[in-house]
Amino acid sequence: MTLRIGGSKAYEDYGVPFVSGILGGVMIVSVIGAITGLIRLFIPF
């Protein structure tokens, strides 16, 4: 959709950084959640 509306320039300038940011954020939250889950597994509330 981005390619059709804005062309390859918009895809490179806005699409790729947007998706990269979302994926990076999901990875950071997943790592923090996994660490917190492991800590809470061994040290309960």
PDB file of N, CA and C in Angstrom:
ATOM      1  N   MET A   1       0.829  -1.191   0.000  1.00  0.00           N
ATOM      2  CA  MET A   1       0.000   0.000   0.000  1.00  0.00           C
ATOM      3  C   MET A   1       0.872   1.253   0.000  1.00  0.00           C
ATOM      4  N   THR A   2       1.933   1.224   0.789  1.00  0.00           N
ATOM      5  CA  THR A   2       2.841   2.371   0.810  1.00  0.00           C
ATOM      6  C   THR A   2       3.483   2.579  -0.551  1.00  0.00           C
ATOM      7  N   LEU A   3       3.839   1.500  -1.207  1.00  0.00           N
ATOM      8  CA  LEU A   3       4.446   1.621  -2.533  1.00  0.00           C
ATOM      9  C   LEU A   3       3.462   2.208  -3.536  1.00  0.00           C
ATOM     10  N   ARG A   4       2.202   1.824  -3.443  1.00  0.00           N
ATOM     11  CA  ARG A   4       1.214   2.308  -4.391  1.00  0.00           C
ATOM     12  C   ARG A   4       0.912   3.795  -4.161  1.00  0.00           C
ATOM     13  N   ILE A   5       0.835   4.223  -2.920  1.00  0.00           N
ATOM     14  CA  ILE A   5       0.477   5.618  -2.625  1.00  0.00           C
ATOM     15  C   ILE A   5       1.679   6.545  -2.770  1.00  0.00           C
ATOM     16  N   GLY A   6       2.792   6.210  -2.135  1.00  0.00           N
ATOM     17  CA  GLY A   6       3.914   7.138  -2.091  1.00  0.00           C
ATOM     18  C   GLY A   6       5.111   6.762  -2.941  1.00  0.00           C
ATOM     19  N   GLY A   7       5.115   5.558  -3.473  1.00  0.00           N
ATOM     20  CA  GLY A   7       6.243   5.129  -4.278  1.00  0.00           C
ATOM     21  C   GLY A   7       7.370   4.580  -3.420  1.00  0.00           C
ATOM     22  N   SER A   8       8.456   4.256  -4.084  1.00  0.00           N
ATOM     23  CA  SER A   8       9.578   3.638  -3.382  1.00  0.00           C
ATOM     24  C   SER A   8      10.267   4.607  -2.421  1.00  0.00           C
ATOM     25  N   LYS A   9      10.206   5.905  -2.718  1.00  0.00           N
ATOM     26  CA  LYS A   9      10.824   6.891  -1.824  1.00  0.00           C
ATOM     27  C   LYS A   9      10.130   6.891  -0.462  1.00  0.00           C
ATOM     28  N   ALA A  10       8.808   6.896  -0.453  1.00  0.00           N
ATOM     29  CA  ALA A  10       8.062   6.859   0.813  1.00  0.00           C
ATOM     30  C   ALA A  10       8.283   5.530   1.528  1.00  0.00           C
ATOM     31  N   TYR A  11       8.375   4.443   0.762  1.00  0.00           N
ATOM     32  CA  TYR A  11       8.624   3.135   1.359  1.00  0.00           C
ATOM     33  C   TYR A  11       9.959   3.125   2.089  1.00  0.00           C
ATOM     34  N   GLU A  12      10.996   3.683   1.447  1.00  0.00           N
ATOM     35  CA  GLU A  12      12.321   3.703   2.064  1.00  0.00           C
ATOM     36  C   GLU A  12      12.407   4.691   3.219  1.00  0.00           C
ATOM     37  N   ASP A  13      11.728   5.837   3.104  1.00  0.00           N
ATOM     38  CA  ASP A  13      11.835   6.877   4.126  1.00  0.00           C
ATOM     39  C   ASP A  13      10.924   6.646   5.328  1.00  0.00           C
ATOM     40  N   TYR A  14       9.760   6.030   5.120  1.00  0.00           N
ATOM     41  CA  TYR A  14       8.787   5.896   6.202  1.00  0.00           C
ATOM     42  C   TYR A  14       8.432   4.447   6.521  1.00  0.00           C
ATOM     43  N   GLY A  15       8.258   3.620   5.518  1.00  0.00           N
ATOM     44  CA  GLY A  15       7.804   2.251   5.734  1.00  0.00           C
ATOM     45  C   GLY A  15       8.805   1.381   6.459  1.00  0.00           C
ATOM     46  N   VAL A  16      10.028   1.369   5.972  1.00  0.00           N
ATOM     47  CA  VAL A  16      11.055   0.505   6.564  1.00  0.00           C
ATOM     48  C   VAL A  16      11.391   0.923   7.998  1.00  0.00           C
ATOM     49  N   PRO A  17      11.630   2.211   8.293  1.00  0.00           N
ATOM     50  CA  PRO A  17      11.901   2.575   9.691  1.00  0.00           C
ATOM     51  C   PRO A  17      10.727   2.295  10.630  1.00  0.00           C
ATOM     52  N   PHE A  18       9.504   2.479  10.139  1.00  0.00           N
ATOM     53  CA  PHE A  18       8.320   2.227  10.970  1.00  0.00           C
ATOM     54  C   PHE A  18       8.239   0.757  11.363  1.00  0.00           C
ATOM     55  N   VAL A  19       8.370  -0.127  10.401  1.00  0.00           N
ATOM     56  CA  VAL A  19       8.289  -1.562  10.671  1.00  0.00           C
ATOM     57  C   VAL A  19       9.489  -2.013  11.503  1.00  0.00           C
ATOM     58  N   SER A  20      10.656  -1.465  11.241  1.00  0.00           N
ATOM     59  CA  SER A  20      11.839  -1.817  12.026  1.00  0.00           C
ATOM     60  C   SER A  20      11.673  -1.395  13.478  1.00  0.00           C
ATOM     61  N   GLY A  21      11.092  -0.235  13.701  1.00  0.00           N
ATOM     62  CA  GLY A  21      10.847   0.233  15.063  1.00  0.00           C
ATOM     63  C   GLY A  21       9.862  -0.642  15.803  1.00  0.00           C
ATOM     64  N   ILE A  22       8.809  -1.050  15.105  1.00  0.00           N
ATOM     65  CA  ILE A  22       7.825  -1.928  15.741  1.00  0.00           C
ATOM     66  C   ILE A  22       8.466  -3.265  16.105  1.00  0.00           C
ATOM     67  N   LEU A  23       9.200  -3.855  15.166  1.00  0.00           N
ATOM     68  CA  LEU A  23       9.842  -5.144  15.441  1.00  0.00           C
ATOM     69  C   LEU A  23      10.880  -5.031  16.557  1.00  0.00           C
ATOM     70  N   GLY A  24      11.653  -3.950  16.546  1.00  0.00           N
ATOM     71  CA  GLY A  24      12.631  -3.743  17.611  1.00  0.00           C
ATOM     72  C   GLY A  24      11.958  -3.592  18.968  1.00  0.00           C
ATOM     73  N   GLY A  25      10.860  -2.855  19.015  1.00  0.00           N
ATOM     74  CA  GLY A  25      10.124  -2.677  20.265  1.00  0.00           C
ATOM     75  C   GLY A  25       9.539  -3.977  20.785  1.00  0.00           C
ATOM     76  N   VAL A  26       9.006  -4.783  19.885  1.00  0.00           N
ATOM     77  CA  VAL A  26       8.453  -6.074  20.288  1.00  0.00           C
ATOM     78  C   VAL A  26       9.556  -6.971  20.838  1.00  0.00           C
ATOM     79  N   MET A  27      10.717  -6.937  20.218  1.00  0.00           N
ATOM     80  CA  MET A  27      11.822  -7.765  20.704  1.00  0.00           C
ATOM     81  C   MET A  27      12.291  -7.318  22.091  1.00  0.00           C
ATOM     82  N   ILE A  28      12.389  -6.015  22.301  1.00  0.00           N
ATOM     83  CA  ILE A  28      12.820  -5.509  23.608  1.00  0.00           C
ATOM     84  C   ILE A  28      11.823  -5.899  24.689  1.00  0.00           C
ATOM     85  N   VAL A  29      10.530  -5.720  24.412  1.00  0.00           N
ATOM     86  CA  VAL A  29       9.500  -6.068  25.393  1.00  0.00           C
ATOM     87  C   VAL A  29       9.491  -7.574  25.649  1.00  0.00           C
ATOM     88  N   SER A  30       9.729  -8.372  24.612  1.00  0.00           N
ATOM     89  CA  SER A  30       9.761  -9.826  24.784  1.00  0.00           C
ATOM     90  C   SER A  30      10.920 -10.251  25.677  1.00  0.00           C
ATOM     91  N   VAL A  31      12.077  -9.660  25.467  1.00  0.00           N
ATOM     92  CA  VAL A  31      13.242 -10.002  26.289  1.00  0.00           C
ATOM     93  C   VAL A  31      13.008  -9.591  27.742  1.00  0.00           C
ATOM     94  N   ILE A  32      12.493  -8.396  27.958  1.00  0.00           N
ATOM     95  CA  ILE A  32      12.207  -7.941  29.323  1.00  0.00           C
ATOM     96  C   ILE A  32      11.153  -8.837  29.970  1.00  0.00           C
ATOM     97  N   GLY A  33      10.122  -9.208  29.215  1.00  0.00           N
ATOM     98  CA  GLY A  33       9.087 -10.094  29.749  1.00  0.00           C
ATOM     99  C   GLY A  33       9.628 -11.473  30.089  1.00  0.00           C
ATOM    100  N   ALA A  34      10.507 -12.001  29.253  1.00  0.00           N
ATOM    101  CA  ALA A  34      11.085 -13.319  29.526  1.00  0.00           C
ATOM    102  C   ALA A  34      11.957 -13.282  30.777  1.00  0.00           C
ATOM    103  N   ILE A  35      12.751 -12.235  30.920  1.00  0.00           N
ATOM    104  CA  ILE A  35      13.593 -12.107  32.125  1.00  0.00           C
ATOM    105  C   ILE A  35      12.733 -11.970  33.368  1.00  0.00           C
ATOM    106  N   THR A  36      11.705 -11.131  33.285  1.00  0.00           N
ATOM    107  CA  THR A  36      10.804 -10.954  34.424  1.00  0.00           C
ATOM    108  C   THR A  36      10.078 -12.257  34.741  1.00  0.00           C
ATOM    109  N   GLY A  37       9.654 -12.979  33.719  1.00  0.00           N
ATOM    110  CA  GLY A  37       8.985 -14.253  33.937  1.00  0.00           C
ATOM    111  C   GLY A  37       9.875 -15.269  34.610  1.00  0.00           C
ATOM    112  N   LEU A  38      11.147 -15.316  34.203  1.00  0.00           N
ATOM    113  CA  LEU A  38      12.074 -16.244  34.842  1.00  0.00           C
ATOM    114  C   LEU A  38      12.335 -15.872  36.301  1.00  0.00           C
ATOM    115  N   ILE A  39      12.451 -14.581  36.555  1.00  0.00           N
ATOM    116  CA  ILE A  39      12.667 -14.153  37.948  1.00  0.00           C
ATOM    117  C   ILE A  39      11.459 -14.502  38.797  1.00  0.00           C
ATOM    118  N   ARG A  40      10.263 -14.259  38.258  1.00  0.00           N
ATOM    119  CA  ARG A  40       9.042 -14.545  39.017  1.00  0.00           C
ATOM    120  C   ARG A  40       8.791 -16.039  39.135  1.00  0.00           C
ATOM    121  N   LEU A  41       9.362 -16.858  38.261  1.00  0.00           N
ATOM    122  CA  LEU A  41       9.217 -18.310  38.372  1.00  0.00           C
ATOM    123  C   LEU A  41       9.953 -18.818  39.598  1.00  0.00           C
ATOM    124  N   PHE A  42      11.125 -18.256  39.856  1.00  0.00           N
ATOM    125  CA  PHE A  42      11.933 -18.725  40.980  1.00  0.00           C
ATOM    126  C   PHE A  42      11.708 -17.936  42.258  1.00  0.00           C
ATOM    127  N   ILE A  43      11.276 -16.676  42.123  1.00  0.00           N
ATOM    128  CA  ILE A  43      10.992 -15.849  43.297  1.00  0.00           C
ATOM    129  C   ILE A  43       9.536 -15.399  43.178  1.00  0.00           C
ATOM    130  N   PRO A  44       8.588 -16.132  43.757  1.00  0.00           N
ATOM    131  CA  PRO A  44       7.181 -15.775  43.580  1.00  0.00           C
ATOM    132  C   PRO A  44       6.822 -14.441  44.218  1.00  0.00           C
ATOM    133  N   PHE A  45       5.664 -13.944  43.858  1.00  0.00           N
ATOM    134  CA  PHE A  45       5.190 -12.661  44.399  1.00  0.00           C
ATOM    135  C   PHE A  45       5.097 -12.789  45.901  1.00  0.00           C
TER     136      PHE A  45
END
